[in-house]
Amino acid sequence: MLFWWLEKNKDLTTKQMVDELYSLICNRINDPITYKELKSKKLGLDTKGIIPVQV
């Protein structure tokens, strides 16, 4: 995921990347999720069947 994110944002400056990551982290903290919701959430990453789609 990290390499995909870096490739996607390769045109941004380091400061812009830091700001983007910071905003992603802050948005996640403000939106709490329960274990039950997390357990039933489908993964958004194609793992080619190596990791199950649901936890």
C-alpha atoms as a PDB file:
ATOM      1  CA  MET A   1       0.000   0.000   0.000  1.00  0.00           C
ATOM      2  CA  LEU A   2       2.814   2.363   0.874  1.00  0.00           C
ATOM      3  CA  PHE A   3       4.508   2.001  -2.506  1.00  0.00           C
ATOM      4  CA  TRP A   4       1.170   2.450  -4.304  1.00  0.00           C
ATOM      5  CA  TRP A   5       0.468   5.600  -2.279  1.00  0.00           C
ATOM      6  CA  LEU A   6       3.945   6.976  -2.973  1.00  0.00           C
ATOM      7  CA  GLU A   7       3.592   6.315  -6.712  1.00  0.00           C
ATOM      8  CA  LYS A   8       0.141   7.918  -6.748  1.00  0.00           C
ATOM      9  CA  ASN A   9       1.450  11.042  -4.997  1.00  0.00           C
ATOM     10  CA  LYS A  10       4.910  11.257  -6.581  1.00  0.00           C
ATOM     11  CA  ASP A  11       4.223  14.746  -7.955  1.00  0.00           C
ATOM     12  CA  LEU A  12       3.603  16.204  -4.477  1.00  0.00           C
ATOM     13  CA  THR A  13       6.275  17.853  -2.383  1.00  0.00           C
ATOM     14  CA  THR A  14       7.322  16.270   0.905  1.00  0.00           C
ATOM     15  CA  LYS A  15       5.327  18.864   2.845  1.00  0.00           C
ATOM     16  CA  GLN A  16       2.220  18.160   0.770  1.00  0.00           C
ATOM     17  CA  MET A  17       2.623  14.409   1.380  1.00  0.00           C
ATOM     18  CA  VAL A  18       2.969  14.986   5.121  1.00  0.00           C
ATOM     19  CA  ASP A  19      -0.147  17.172   5.120  1.00  0.00           C
ATOM     20  CA  GLU A  20      -2.069  14.540   3.138  1.00  0.00           C
ATOM     21  CA  LEU A  21      -1.079  11.737   5.518  1.00  0.00           C
ATOM     22  CA  TYR A  22      -1.860  13.892   8.534  1.00  0.00           C
ATOM     23  CA  SER A  23      -5.346  14.670   7.223  1.00  0.00           C
ATOM     24  CA  LEU A  24      -5.986  10.956   6.546  1.00  0.00           C
ATOM     25  CA  ILE A  25      -4.941  10.050  10.085  1.00  0.00           C
ATOM     26  CA  CYS A  26      -6.996  12.824  11.672  1.00  0.00           C
ATOM     27  CA  ASN A  27     -10.109  11.872   9.709  1.00  0.00           C
ATOM     28  CA  ARG A  28      -9.821   8.251  10.869  1.00  0.00           C
ATOM     29  CA  ILE A  29      -9.537   9.225  14.529  1.00  0.00           C
ATOM     30  CA  ASN A  30     -12.620  11.450  14.424  1.00  0.00           C
ATOM     31  CA  ASP A  31     -14.720   8.660  12.921  1.00  0.00           C
ATOM     32  CA  PRO A  32     -14.688   5.804  15.467  1.00  0.00           C
ATOM     33  CA  ILE A  33     -15.571   2.302  14.275  1.00  0.00           C
ATOM     34  CA  THR A  34     -16.650  -0.655  16.368  1.00  0.00           C
ATOM     35  CA  TYR A  35     -15.000  -4.064  16.228  1.00  0.00           C
ATOM     36  CA  LYS A  36     -18.199  -5.559  14.788  1.00  0.00           C
ATOM     37  CA  GLU A  37     -18.202  -3.012  11.929  1.00  0.00           C
ATOM     38  CA  LEU A  38     -14.499  -3.563  11.292  1.00  0.00           C
ATOM     39  CA  LYS A  39     -14.884  -7.334  11.279  1.00  0.00           C
ATOM     40  CA  SER A  40     -17.590  -7.251   8.590  1.00  0.00           C
ATOM     41  CA  LYS A  41     -15.904  -4.579   6.439  1.00  0.00           C
ATOM     42  CA  LYS A  42     -14.526  -5.833   3.120  1.00  0.00           C
ATOM     43  CA  LEU A  43     -10.884  -5.117   2.362  1.00  0.00           C
ATOM     44  CA  GLY A  44     -10.342  -2.541  -0.379  1.00  0.00           C
ATOM     45  CA  LEU A  45      -7.085  -4.107  -1.522  1.00  0.00           C
ATOM     46  CA  ASP A  46      -6.884  -6.903  -4.080  1.00  0.00           C
ATOM     47  CA  THR A  47      -4.668  -9.519  -2.437  1.00  0.00           C
ATOM     48  CA  LYS A  48      -5.115 -12.090  -5.222  1.00  0.00           C
ATOM     49  CA  GLY A  49      -6.742 -14.502  -2.761  1.00  0.00           C
ATOM     50  CA  ILE A  50      -3.760 -14.622  -0.391  1.00  0.00           C
ATOM     51  CA  ILE A  51      -5.632 -12.742   2.356  1.00  0.00           C
ATOM     52  CA  PRO A  52      -9.373 -13.341   2.883  1.00  0.00           C
ATOM     53  CA  VAL A  53     -11.755 -10.639   1.643  1.00  0.00           C
ATOM     54  CA  GLN A  54     -13.336 -10.417   5.083  1.00  0.00           C
ATOM     55  CA  VAL A  55     -11.543 -10.660   8.397  1.00  0.00           C
END
